[in-house]
Amino acid sequence: MQKAGSIFLGRGDGGTGTLDYLNLKYANRHGLVAGATGTGKTFTLRVLAEGFSAMGVPVFTADVKGYLSGLGLRGDAEDFLIKRPDTIGFEDFGAESFLTVH
């Protein structure tokens, strides 16, 4: 699902709209991820961190609550973890590990 030089972010309109990608040449701009509880903010940040890491871009996250601490270990794809990726059209989502430094 990846396009060269971009990170797949999801599909608009509850999984029925167009595919949305972040072009890496625009990734040096400021961004804001905001929303109510349970809307996918942490998942969005995880997708961005994983996408940058997969493309060799160093990622720094200030993770006070530890929600992203599992990025260094390959996890299990449990139902509640794959529900959101399916909703937004992230077809090739799977459990992977990424290099981390604590």
C-alpha atoms as a PDB file:
ATOM      1  CA  MET A   1       0.000   0.000   0.000  1.00  0.00           C
ATOM      2  CA  GLN A   2       3.036   2.295   0.238  1.00  0.00           C
ATOM      3  CA  LYS A   3       3.827   4.786  -2.493  1.00  0.00           C
ATOM      4  CA  ALA A   4       7.479   5.650  -3.046  1.00  0.00           C
ATOM      5  CA  GLY A   5       8.529   8.572  -0.856  1.00  0.00           C
ATOM      6  CA  SER A   6       5.341   8.595   1.207  1.00  0.00           C
ATOM      7  CA  ILE A   7       3.676   7.181   4.320  1.00  0.00           C
ATOM      8  CA  PHE A   8       0.144   5.778   4.106  1.00  0.00           C
ATOM      9  CA  LEU A   9      -2.069   7.541   6.650  1.00  0.00           C
ATOM     10  CA  GLY A  10      -5.449   5.977   5.988  1.00  0.00           C
ATOM     11  CA  ARG A  11      -8.649   6.351   4.055  1.00  0.00           C
ATOM     12  CA  GLY A  12     -11.065   9.220   4.555  1.00  0.00           C
ATOM     13  CA  ASP A  13     -14.799   9.062   5.235  1.00  0.00           C
ATOM     14  CA  GLY A  14     -14.776   6.077   7.580  1.00  0.00           C
ATOM     15  CA  GLY A  15     -12.824   3.849   5.237  1.00  0.00           C
ATOM     16  CA  THR A  16     -14.752   4.591   2.052  1.00  0.00           C
ATOM     17  CA  GLY A  17     -12.983   7.729   0.810  1.00  0.00           C
ATOM     18  CA  THR A  18      -9.704   8.344  -0.965  1.00  0.00           C
ATOM     19  CA  LEU A  19      -6.383   6.980   0.259  1.00  0.00           C
ATOM     20  CA  ASP A  20      -4.367   9.601   2.147  1.00  0.00           C
ATOM     21  CA  TYR A  21      -0.558   9.687   2.085  1.00  0.00           C
ATOM     22  CA  LEU A  22       2.042  11.965   3.659  1.00  0.00           C
ATOM     23  CA  ASN A  23       4.621  12.907   1.034  1.00  0.00           C
ATOM     24  CA  LEU A  24       8.030  12.863   2.752  1.00  0.00           C
ATOM     25  CA  LYS A  25       9.124  16.094   1.108  1.00  0.00           C
ATOM     26  CA  TYR A  26       6.394  17.822   3.165  1.00  0.00           C
ATOM     27  CA  ALA A  27       7.126  15.940   6.395  1.00  0.00           C
ATOM     28  CA  ASN A  28       9.387  18.665   7.789  1.00  0.00           C
ATOM     29  CA  ARG A  29       6.399  20.895   8.541  1.00  0.00           C
ATOM     30  CA  HIS A  30       4.550  21.240  11.843  1.00  0.00           C
ATOM     31  CA  GLY A  31       1.628  18.941  12.509  1.00  0.00           C
ATOM     32  CA  LEU A  32      -1.096  18.454  15.063  1.00  0.00           C
ATOM     33  CA  VAL A  33      -2.919  15.244  15.909  1.00  0.00           C
ATOM     34  CA  ALA A  34      -5.997  16.074  17.975  1.00  0.00           C
ATOM     35  CA  GLY A  35      -9.276  14.370  18.773  1.00  0.00           C
ATOM     36  CA  ALA A  36     -11.495  12.904  21.447  1.00  0.00           C
ATOM     37  CA  THR A  37     -10.700   9.745  23.390  1.00  0.00           C
ATOM     38  CA  GLY A  38     -10.721   6.670  21.163  1.00  0.00           C
ATOM     39  CA  THR A  39     -10.464   8.474  17.833  1.00  0.00           C
ATOM     40  CA  GLY A  40      -7.075   7.045  16.848  1.00  0.00           C
ATOM     41  CA  LYS A  41      -4.562   9.714  17.888  1.00  0.00           C
ATOM     42  CA  THR A  42      -2.070   7.219  19.310  1.00  0.00           C
ATOM     43  CA  PHE A  43      -2.517   4.904  16.342  1.00  0.00           C
ATOM     44  CA  THR A  44      -1.885   7.830  13.983  1.00  0.00           C
ATOM     45  CA  LEU A  45       1.330   8.731  15.809  1.00  0.00           C
ATOM     46  CA  ARG A  46       2.390   5.092  15.736  1.00  0.00           C
ATOM     47  CA  VAL A  47       1.781   4.860  11.970  1.00  0.00           C
ATOM     48  CA  LEU A  48       3.839   8.018  11.429  1.00  0.00           C
ATOM     49  CA  ALA A  49       6.702   6.814  13.658  1.00  0.00           C
ATOM     50  CA  GLU A  50       6.730   3.384  11.994  1.00  0.00           C
ATOM     51  CA  GLY A  51       6.557   4.910   8.519  1.00  0.00           C
ATOM     52  CA  PHE A  52       9.453   7.281   9.155  1.00  0.00           C
ATOM     53  CA  SER A  53      11.498   4.509  10.789  1.00  0.00           C
ATOM     54  CA  ALA A  54      10.860   2.140   7.874  1.00  0.00           C
ATOM     55  CA  MET A  55      12.229   4.809   5.521  1.00  0.00           C
ATOM     56  CA  GLY A  56      15.371   5.312   7.621  1.00  0.00           C
ATOM     57  CA  VAL A  57      14.319   8.606   9.224  1.00  0.00           C
ATOM     58  CA  PRO A  58      15.212   8.862  12.941  1.00  0.00           C
ATOM     59  CA  VAL A  59      12.139   9.398  15.132  1.00  0.00           C
ATOM     60  CA  PHE A  60      12.008  10.958  18.609  1.00  0.00           C
ATOM     61  CA  THR A  61       8.857  10.486  20.652  1.00  0.00           C
ATOM     62  CA  ALA A  62       8.186  11.935  24.095  1.00  0.00           C
ATOM     63  CA  ASP A  63       5.973   9.132  25.356  1.00  0.00           C
ATOM     64  CA  VAL A  64       5.108  10.038  28.956  1.00  0.00           C
ATOM     65  CA  LYS A  65       2.355   7.423  29.344  1.00  0.00           C
ATOM     66  CA  GLY A  66       4.248   4.651  27.531  1.00  0.00           C
ATOM     67  CA  TYR A  67       1.691   4.116  24.772  1.00  0.00           C
ATOM     68  CA  LEU A  68       4.365   3.890  22.072  1.00  0.00           C
ATOM     69  CA  SER A  69       6.959   1.991  24.097  1.00  0.00           C
ATOM     70  CA  GLY A  70       6.097  -1.293  22.396  1.00  0.00           C
ATOM     71  CA  LEU A  71       7.392  -0.179  18.989  1.00  0.00           C
ATOM     72  CA  GLY A  72      10.697  -1.951  19.653  1.00  0.00           C
ATOM     73  CA  LEU A  73       9.050  -5.367  20.002  1.00  0.00           C
ATOM     74  CA  ARG A  74       7.005  -7.343  17.526  1.00  0.00           C
ATOM     75  CA  GLY A  75       3.518  -7.576  18.970  1.00  0.00           C
ATOM     76  CA  ASP A  76       0.511  -9.801  18.451  1.00  0.00           C
ATOM     77  CA  ALA A  77      -2.190  -8.647  16.022  1.00  0.00           C
ATOM     78  CA  GLU A  78      -5.160  -8.856  18.381  1.00  0.00           C
ATOM     79  CA  ASP A  79      -8.673  -7.947  17.247  1.00  0.00           C
ATOM     80  CA  PHE A  80      -8.823  -4.608  19.044  1.00  0.00           C
ATOM     81  CA  LEU A  81      -5.480  -3.615  17.533  1.00  0.00           C
ATOM     82  CA  ILE A  82      -6.432  -4.335  13.933  1.00  0.00           C
ATOM     83  CA  LYS A  83      -9.955  -2.868  14.032  1.00  0.00           C
ATOM     84  CA  ARG A  84      -8.823   0.716  13.350  1.00  0.00           C
ATOM     85  CA  PRO A  85      -6.394  -0.154  10.509  1.00  0.00           C
ATOM     86  CA  ASP A  86      -9.182  -2.102   8.791  1.00  0.00           C
ATOM     87  CA  THR A  87     -11.554   0.854   9.212  1.00  0.00           C
ATOM     88  CA  ILE A  88      -9.183   3.310   7.533  1.00  0.00           C
ATOM     89  CA  GLY A  89      -8.098   0.970   4.744  1.00  0.00           C
ATOM     90  CA  PHE A  90      -4.642   0.059   6.034  1.00  0.00           C
ATOM     91  CA  GLU A  91      -4.652  -3.313   4.263  1.00  0.00           C
ATOM     92  CA  ASP A  92      -1.045  -4.395   4.873  1.00  0.00           C
ATOM     93  CA  PHE A  93      -0.950  -3.567   8.596  1.00  0.00           C
ATOM     94  CA  GLY A  94       0.917  -6.172  10.583  1.00  0.00           C
ATOM     95  CA  ALA A  95       3.068  -6.709  13.622  1.00  0.00           C
ATOM     96  CA  GLU A  96       6.682  -5.615  13.140  1.00  0.00           C
ATOM     97  CA  SER A  97       9.545  -4.493  15.330  1.00  0.00           C
ATOM     98  CA  PHE A  98      11.473  -1.235  14.961  1.00  0.00           C
ATOM     99  CA  LEU A  99      14.896  -0.209  16.234  1.00  0.00           C
ATOM    100  CA  THR A 100      14.519   1.762  19.466  1.00  0.00           C
ATOM    101  CA  VAL A 101      16.831   3.433  21.975  1.00  0.00           C
ATOM    102  CA  HIS A 102      15.577   4.126  25.495  1.00  0.00           C
END
